[in-house]
Amino acid sequence: KEEENFSTLTFQVQTVQSAVDLYFKQTGSLPLIENSGERFLYEKNAIDFGKLYPQYLTTLPTNSFEKGGHYRYVLYLNGEEITVKLIDLTLSSAVGELQLEINDFFQREGILPMKRGPNLYQYEIDYEKLGIKKPVLNSPFTGNPLSFALSPKGEVFIDYAYDLVQYKEKGYAEKGEDAREILIENSYFVPVKSFPYRWIKGEPVLSMDLPR
């Protein structure tokens, strides 16, 4: 079942990739949603399927948001490389719901429901104070449970440090200034609602000076 799902995922991503390549070759532009309003670096370039269908795609991917699926198709732009990637919208939704809970708590109590975290940029969420259960969601990169964290300003984000370490241990090479690129280059996904990391002495460390 898992192999079948991965095979379907591969086919759908490759089909969209072929359509994007042809569109770019013929028009010289990218089929992107204009002014998407998304702030996070890897989530900005959402594909506009209205520009691809029906001329370049005979049907939309069944797993796409536009067809009721839980993936948003985006373009990862790295130099001249244009690659189709996926956003797992179940993660985006979970972050959004958690952010609302935290905002409501702050409005009522005047403080953030946080505990000391591993560094100055990352605090643990105090789910007991919030009165909710910790969301249980798995990483699209490793299948491991994901951790949600808070910035000092109270912004919810997903901590991908464990995934980064696992990818490095698998033997994947460190890529680019932003450590998250190791995940993107070796999977079909981009990290959702995340902050940048650098490799420092072989470990991923949050680096807020890099583009988000």
C-alpha atoms as a PDB file:
ATOM      1  CA  LYS A   1       0.000   0.000   0.000  1.00  0.00           C
ATOM      2  CA  GLU A   2       2.790   2.415   0.957  1.00  0.00           C
ATOM      3  CA  GLU A   3       4.747   1.578  -2.214  1.00  0.00           C
ATOM      4  CA  GLU A   4       1.578   2.065  -4.262  1.00  0.00           C
ATOM      5  CA  ASN A   5       0.983   5.485  -2.674  1.00  0.00           C
ATOM      6  CA  PHE A   6       4.598   6.518  -3.314  1.00  0.00           C
ATOM      7  CA  SER A   7       4.330   5.323  -6.922  1.00  0.00           C
ATOM      8  CA  THR A   8       1.163   7.392  -7.425  1.00  0.00           C
ATOM      9  CA  LEU A   9       2.793  10.405  -5.774  1.00  0.00           C
ATOM     10  CA  THR A  10       5.858  10.058  -8.002  1.00  0.00           C
ATOM     11  CA  PHE A  11       3.722   9.800 -11.141  1.00  0.00           C
ATOM     12  CA  GLN A  12       1.627  12.869 -10.263  1.00  0.00           C
ATOM     13  CA  VAL A  13       4.631  15.024  -9.366  1.00  0.00           C
ATOM     14  CA  GLN A  14       6.486  13.998 -12.535  1.00  0.00           C
ATOM     15  CA  THR A  15       3.401  14.692 -14.674  1.00  0.00           C
ATOM     16  CA  VAL A  16       3.132  18.220 -13.264  1.00  0.00           C
ATOM     17  CA  GLN A  17       6.909  18.678 -13.673  1.00  0.00           C
ATOM     18  CA  SER A  18       6.636  17.846 -17.398  1.00  0.00           C
ATOM     19  CA  ALA A  19       3.765  20.328 -17.773  1.00  0.00           C
ATOM     20  CA  VAL A  20       5.702  23.083 -15.972  1.00  0.00           C
ATOM     21  CA  ASP A  21       8.800  22.446 -18.103  1.00  0.00           C
ATOM     22  CA  LEU A  22       6.776  22.690 -21.317  1.00  0.00           C
ATOM     23  CA  TYR A  23       4.933  25.808 -20.121  1.00  0.00           C
ATOM     24  CA  PHE A  24       8.236  27.479 -19.258  1.00  0.00           C
ATOM     25  CA  LYS A  25       9.784  26.465 -22.583  1.00  0.00           C
ATOM     26  CA  GLN A  26       6.862  27.887 -24.572  1.00  0.00           C
ATOM     27  CA  THR A  27       6.078  31.021 -22.546  1.00  0.00           C
ATOM     28  CA  GLY A  28       9.332  31.912 -20.772  1.00  0.00           C
ATOM     29  CA  SER A  29       7.388  32.382 -17.537  1.00  0.00           C
ATOM     30  CA  LEU A  30       6.374  30.241 -14.574  1.00  0.00           C
ATOM     31  CA  PRO A  31       2.783  29.115 -13.887  1.00  0.00           C
ATOM     32  CA  LEU A  32       2.541  30.683 -10.441  1.00  0.00           C
ATOM     33  CA  ILE A  33      -0.307  32.148  -8.403  1.00  0.00           C
ATOM     34  CA  GLU A  34       0.319  35.898  -8.322  1.00  0.00           C
ATOM     35  CA  ASN A  35       0.545  37.600  -4.921  1.00  0.00           C
ATOM     36  CA  SER A  36      -0.179  34.439  -2.950  1.00  0.00           C
ATOM     37  CA  GLY A  37       0.383  36.351   0.310  1.00  0.00           C
ATOM     38  CA  GLU A  38       2.451  33.504   1.734  1.00  0.00           C
ATOM     39  CA  ARG A  39       5.381  34.692   3.877  1.00  0.00           C
ATOM     40  CA  PHE A  40       7.392  31.507   4.261  1.00  0.00           C
ATOM     41  CA  LEU A  41      10.209  31.115   1.717  1.00  0.00           C
ATOM     42  CA  TYR A  42       9.481  27.627   0.408  1.00  0.00           C
ATOM     43  CA  GLU A  43       5.698  28.106   0.373  1.00  0.00           C
ATOM     44  CA  LYS A  44       5.534  31.272  -1.750  1.00  0.00           C
ATOM     45  CA  ASN A  45       5.626  29.795  -5.247  1.00  0.00           C
ATOM     46  CA  ALA A  46       2.293  27.978  -5.472  1.00  0.00           C
ATOM     47  CA  ILE A  47       1.471  26.566  -8.910  1.00  0.00           C
ATOM     48  CA  ASP A  48      -1.550  28.057 -10.695  1.00  0.00           C
ATOM     49  CA  PHE A  49      -3.152  25.026 -12.332  1.00  0.00           C
ATOM     50  CA  GLY A  50      -5.415  27.368 -14.296  1.00  0.00           C
ATOM     51  CA  LYS A  51      -2.342  28.204 -16.385  1.00  0.00           C
ATOM     52  CA  LEU A  52      -1.538  24.533 -17.040  1.00  0.00           C
ATOM     53  CA  TYR A  53      -4.975  22.945 -17.522  1.00  0.00           C
ATOM     54  CA  PRO A  54      -6.124  21.863 -20.070  1.00  0.00           C
ATOM     55  CA  GLN A  55      -3.362  22.871 -22.516  1.00  0.00           C
ATOM     56  CA  TYR A  56      -0.434  21.375 -20.593  1.00  0.00           C
ATOM     57  CA  LEU A  57      -2.241  18.985 -18.229  1.00  0.00           C
ATOM     58  CA  THR A  58      -5.146  16.760 -19.270  1.00  0.00           C
ATOM     59  CA  THR A  59      -6.290  16.480 -15.653  1.00  0.00           C
ATOM     60  CA  LEU A  60      -5.330  17.931 -12.283  1.00  0.00           C
ATOM     61  CA  PRO A  61      -3.480  15.734  -9.764  1.00  0.00           C
ATOM     62  CA  THR A  62      -6.003  13.877  -7.613  1.00  0.00           C
ATOM     63  CA  ASN A  63      -3.965  14.639  -4.474  1.00  0.00           C
ATOM     64  CA  SER A  64      -3.861  18.406  -5.138  1.00  0.00           C
ATOM     65  CA  PHE A  65      -5.737  20.941  -3.023  1.00  0.00           C
ATOM     66  CA  GLU A  66      -7.644  21.983  -6.146  1.00  0.00           C
ATOM     67  CA  LYS A  67      -9.067  18.449  -6.437  1.00  0.00           C
ATOM     68  CA  GLY A  68      -9.824  18.063  -2.741  1.00  0.00           C
ATOM     69  CA  GLY A  69      -6.458  16.527  -1.819  1.00  0.00           C
ATOM     70  CA  HIS A  70      -4.173  17.656   0.981  1.00  0.00           C
ATOM     71  CA  TYR A  71      -1.149  18.737  -1.060  1.00  0.00           C
ATOM     72  CA  ARG A  72      -0.377  22.166  -2.466  1.00  0.00           C
ATOM     73  CA  TYR A  73       1.922  21.989  -5.499  1.00  0.00           C
ATOM     74  CA  VAL A  74       4.718  24.576  -5.443  1.00  0.00           C
ATOM     75  CA  LEU A  75       7.890  25.344  -7.386  1.00  0.00           C
ATOM     76  CA  TYR A  76      11.293  25.175  -5.745  1.00  0.00           C
ATOM     77  CA  LEU A  77      13.586  27.637  -7.516  1.00  0.00           C
ATOM     78  CA  ASN A  78      17.293  27.025  -7.058  1.00  0.00           C
ATOM     79  CA  GLY A  79      19.374  28.941  -9.590  1.00  0.00           C
ATOM     80  CA  GLU A  80      18.208  27.730 -12.993  1.00  0.00           C
ATOM     81  CA  GLU A  81      16.651  24.624 -11.473  1.00  0.00           C
ATOM     82  CA  ILE A  82      12.823  24.633 -11.406  1.00  0.00           C
ATOM     83  CA  THR A  83      11.426  21.676  -9.480  1.00  0.00           C
ATOM     84  CA  VAL A  84       7.877  20.712  -8.540  1.00  0.00           C
ATOM     85  CA  LYS A  85       7.485  20.062  -4.810  1.00  0.00           C
ATOM     86  CA  LEU A  86       4.634  19.496  -2.367  1.00  0.00           C
ATOM     87  CA  ILE A  87       3.311  21.210   0.748  1.00  0.00           C
ATOM     88  CA  ASP A  88       1.487  18.922   3.176  1.00  0.00           C
ATOM     89  CA  LEU A  89      -1.573  21.020   4.014  1.00  0.00           C
ATOM     90  CA  THR A  90      -2.453  18.910   7.055  1.00  0.00           C
ATOM     91  CA  LEU A  91       0.654  20.415   8.677  1.00  0.00           C
ATOM     92  CA  SER A  92      -0.237  23.970   7.618  1.00  0.00           C
ATOM     93  CA  SER A  93      -3.724  23.474   9.038  1.00  0.00           C
ATOM     94  CA  ALA A  94      -2.402  22.100  12.338  1.00  0.00           C
ATOM     95  CA  VAL A  95      -0.064  25.078  12.752  1.00  0.00           C
ATOM     96  CA  GLY A  96      -2.927  27.477  11.975  1.00  0.00           C
ATOM     97  CA  GLU A  97      -5.226  25.872  14.557  1.00  0.00           C
ATOM     98  CA  LEU A  98      -2.497  25.855  17.198  1.00  0.00           C
ATOM     99  CA  GLN A  99      -1.706  29.507  16.459  1.00  0.00           C
ATOM    100  CA  LEU A 100      -5.359  30.453  17.070  1.00  0.00           C
ATOM    101  CA  GLU A 101      -5.311  28.634  20.437  1.00  0.00           C
ATOM    102  CA  ILE A 102      -2.134  30.461  21.460  1.00  0.00           C
ATOM    103  CA  ASN A 103      -3.436  33.850  20.289  1.00  0.00           C
ATOM    104  CA  ASP A 104      -6.647  33.339  22.293  1.00  0.00           C
ATOM    105  CA  PHE A 105      -4.630  32.354  25.369  1.00  0.00           C
ATOM    106  CA  PHE A 106      -2.446  35.456  25.030  1.00  0.00           C
ATOM    107  CA  GLN A 107      -5.507  37.702  24.687  1.00  0.00           C
ATOM    108  CA  ARG A 108      -6.976  36.232  27.895  1.00  0.00           C
ATOM    109  CA  GLU A 109      -3.860  35.847  30.038  1.00  0.00           C
ATOM    110  CA  GLY A 110      -1.410  38.414  28.672  1.00  0.00           C
ATOM    111  CA  ILE A 111       1.398  35.841  28.530  1.00  0.00           C
ATOM    112  CA  LEU A 112       2.448  33.147  26.087  1.00  0.00           C
ATOM    113  CA  PRO A 113       1.998  29.469  27.023  1.00  0.00           C
ATOM    114  CA  MET A 114       5.663  28.607  26.664  1.00  0.00           C
ATOM    115  CA  LYS A 115       8.439  26.723  28.432  1.00  0.00           C
ATOM    116  CA  ARG A 116      12.171  27.198  28.047  1.00  0.00           C
ATOM    117  CA  GLY A 117      13.433  25.632  24.842  1.00  0.00           C
ATOM    118  CA  PRO A 118      16.823  24.607  23.438  1.00  0.00           C
ATOM    119  CA  ASN A 119      17.806  28.136  22.320  1.00  0.00           C
ATOM    120  CA  LEU A 120      16.806  31.814  22.366  1.00  0.00           C
ATOM    121  CA  TYR A 121      14.666  31.501  19.244  1.00  0.00           C
ATOM    122  CA  GLN A 122      12.734  28.383  20.170  1.00  0.00           C
ATOM    123  CA  TYR A 123      10.439  27.741  23.117  1.00  0.00           C
ATOM    124  CA  GLU A 124       8.420  24.670  23.974  1.00  0.00           C
ATOM    125  CA  ILE A 125       4.638  25.017  23.898  1.00  0.00           C
ATOM    126  CA  ASP A 126       2.991  24.439  27.282  1.00  0.00           C
ATOM    127  CA  TYR A 127       0.030  22.305  26.218  1.00  0.00           C
ATOM    128  CA  GLU A 128      -1.086  21.863  29.838  1.00  0.00           C
ATOM    129  CA  LYS A 129      -1.524  25.627  30.212  1.00  0.00           C
ATOM    130  CA  LEU A 130      -3.347  25.737  26.892  1.00  0.00           C
ATOM    131  CA  GLY A 131      -5.636  22.941  28.018  1.00  0.00           C
ATOM    132  CA  ILE A 132      -5.246  20.954  24.806  1.00  0.00           C
ATOM    133  CA  LYS A 133      -3.507  17.775  23.728  1.00  0.00           C
ATOM    134  CA  LYS A 134      -0.280  17.974  21.779  1.00  0.00           C
ATOM    135  CA  PRO A 135      -1.011  17.508  18.051  1.00  0.00           C
ATOM    136  CA  VAL A 136       0.335  14.205  16.740  1.00  0.00           C
ATOM    137  CA  LEU A 137       1.469  14.560  13.133  1.00  0.00           C
ATOM    138  CA  ASN A 138       4.218  12.776  11.269  1.00  0.00           C
ATOM    139  CA  SER A 139       6.936  14.271   9.111  1.00  0.00           C
ATOM    140  CA  PRO A 140       6.617  13.763   5.341  1.00  0.00           C
ATOM    141  CA  PHE A 141      10.416  13.446   5.263  1.00  0.00           C
ATOM    142  CA  THR A 142      11.008  10.705   7.831  1.00  0.00           C
ATOM    143  CA  GLY A 143       7.609   9.563   9.081  1.00  0.00           C
ATOM    144  CA  ASN A 144       8.626  10.524  12.621  1.00  0.00           C
ATOM    145  CA  PRO A 145       6.398  12.617  14.933  1.00  0.00           C
ATOM    146  CA  LEU A 146       6.929  16.341  14.467  1.00  0.00           C
ATOM    147  CA  SER A 147       7.528  18.923  17.208  1.00  0.00           C
ATOM    148  CA  PHE A 148       5.770  22.269  17.248  1.00  0.00           C
ATOM    149  CA  ALA A 149       7.570  25.217  18.823  1.00  0.00           C
ATOM    150  CA  LEU A 150       7.091  28.921  19.586  1.00  0.00           C
ATOM    151  CA  SER A 151       9.224  31.883  18.572  1.00  0.00           C
ATOM    152  CA  PRO A 152       9.802  34.616  21.205  1.00  0.00           C
ATOM    153  CA  LYS A 153       7.019  36.599  19.479  1.00  0.00           C
ATOM    154  CA  GLY A 154       4.562  33.747  19.877  1.00  0.00           C
ATOM    155  CA  GLU A 155       4.655  32.454  16.326  1.00  0.00           C
ATOM    156  CA  VAL A 156       4.083  28.710  15.966  1.00  0.00           C
ATOM    157  CA  PHE A 157       6.534  26.836  13.767  1.00  0.00           C
ATOM    158  CA  ILE A 158       7.581  23.253  13.088  1.00  0.00           C
ATOM    159  CA  ASP A 159      10.986  22.086  14.284  1.00  0.00           C
ATOM    160  CA  TYR A 160      12.666  19.965  11.598  1.00  0.00           C
ATOM    161  CA  ALA A 161      16.005  19.539  13.402  1.00  0.00           C
ATOM    162  CA  TYR A 162      15.498  15.801  13.960  1.00  0.00           C
ATOM    163  CA  ASP A 163      14.647  15.277  10.284  1.00  0.00           C
ATOM    164  CA  LEU A 164      17.748  17.215   9.255  1.00  0.00           C
ATOM    165  CA  VAL A 165      19.969  15.048  11.442  1.00  0.00           C
ATOM    166  CA  GLN A 166      18.367  11.870  10.093  1.00  0.00           C
ATOM    167  CA  TYR A 167      18.902  12.936   6.471  1.00  0.00           C
ATOM    168  CA  LYS A 168      22.528  13.736   7.200  1.00  0.00           C
ATOM    169  CA  GLU A 169      22.983  10.350   8.886  1.00  0.00           C
ATOM    170  CA  LYS A 170      21.557   8.697   5.761  1.00  0.00           C
ATOM    171  CA  GLY A 171      24.542  10.125   3.920  1.00  0.00           C
ATOM    172  CA  TYR A 172      22.851  12.992   2.092  1.00  0.00           C
ATOM    173  CA  ALA A 173      25.246  15.887   1.534  1.00  0.00           C
ATOM    174  CA  GLU A 174      24.753  19.240   3.250  1.00  0.00           C
ATOM    175  CA  LYS A 175      23.281  21.594   0.641  1.00  0.00           C
ATOM    176  CA  GLY A 176      23.357  25.375   0.469  1.00  0.00           C
ATOM    177  CA  GLU A 177      23.486  27.970   3.217  1.00  0.00           C
ATOM    178  CA  ASP A 178      20.076  26.942   4.574  1.00  0.00           C
ATOM    179  CA  ALA A 179      20.279  23.436   6.048  1.00  0.00           C
ATOM    180  CA  ARG A 180      16.646  22.734   5.078  1.00  0.00           C
ATOM    181  CA  GLU A 181      17.746  22.300   1.478  1.00  0.00           C
ATOM    182  CA  ILE A 182      18.994  18.804   2.321  1.00  0.00           C
ATOM    183  CA  LEU A 183      15.335  17.843   2.899  1.00  0.00           C
ATOM    184  CA  ILE A 184      14.047  19.501  -0.258  1.00  0.00           C
ATOM    185  CA  GLU A 185      16.733  18.140  -2.568  1.00  0.00           C
ATOM    186  CA  ASN A 186      16.139  14.553  -1.425  1.00  0.00           C
ATOM    187  CA  SER A 187      12.334  14.361  -1.255  1.00  0.00           C
ATOM    188  CA  TYR A 188       9.156  15.568  -2.968  1.00  0.00           C
ATOM    189  CA  PHE A 189       8.337  17.966  -0.129  1.00  0.00           C
ATOM    190  CA  VAL A 190       9.241  21.388   1.223  1.00  0.00           C
ATOM    191  CA  PRO A 191       9.300  22.072   4.981  1.00  0.00           C
ATOM    192  CA  VAL A 192       6.071  23.757   6.077  1.00  0.00           C
ATOM    193  CA  LYS A 193       5.840  26.693   8.515  1.00  0.00           C
ATOM    194  CA  SER A 194       9.513  26.490   9.386  1.00  0.00           C
ATOM    195  CA  PHE A 195      12.434  28.765  10.125  1.00  0.00           C
ATOM    196  CA  PRO A 196      15.909  28.458   8.557  1.00  0.00           C
ATOM    197  CA  TYR A 197      18.758  26.405   9.983  1.00  0.00           C
ATOM    198  CA  ARG A 198      22.519  26.402   9.465  1.00  0.00           C
ATOM    199  CA  TRP A 199      24.866  23.475   9.892  1.00  0.00           C
ATOM    200  CA  ILE A 200      27.170  24.392  12.787  1.00  0.00           C
ATOM    201  CA  LYS A 201      29.718  21.741  13.783  1.00  0.00           C
ATOM    202  CA  GLY A 202      27.574  19.177  12.015  1.00  0.00           C
ATOM    203  CA  GLU A 203      24.364  20.089  13.871  1.00  0.00           C
ATOM    204  CA  PRO A 204      21.331  22.031  12.557  1.00  0.00           C
ATOM    205  CA  VAL A 205      20.957  25.338  14.420  1.00  0.00           C
ATOM    206  CA  LEU A 206      18.127  27.849  13.931  1.00  0.00           C
ATOM    207  CA  SER A 207      19.462  30.917  12.096  1.00  0.00           C
ATOM    208  CA  MET A 208      16.985  33.774  11.987  1.00  0.00           C
ATOM    209  CA  ASP A 209      19.247  35.957   9.823  1.00  0.00           C
ATOM    210  CA  LEU A 210      18.538  33.775   6.760  1.00  0.00           C
ATOM    211  CA  PRO A 211      15.400  34.218   4.605  1.00  0.00           C
ATOM    212  CA  ARG A 212      12.456  32.341   6.083  1.00  0.00           C
END
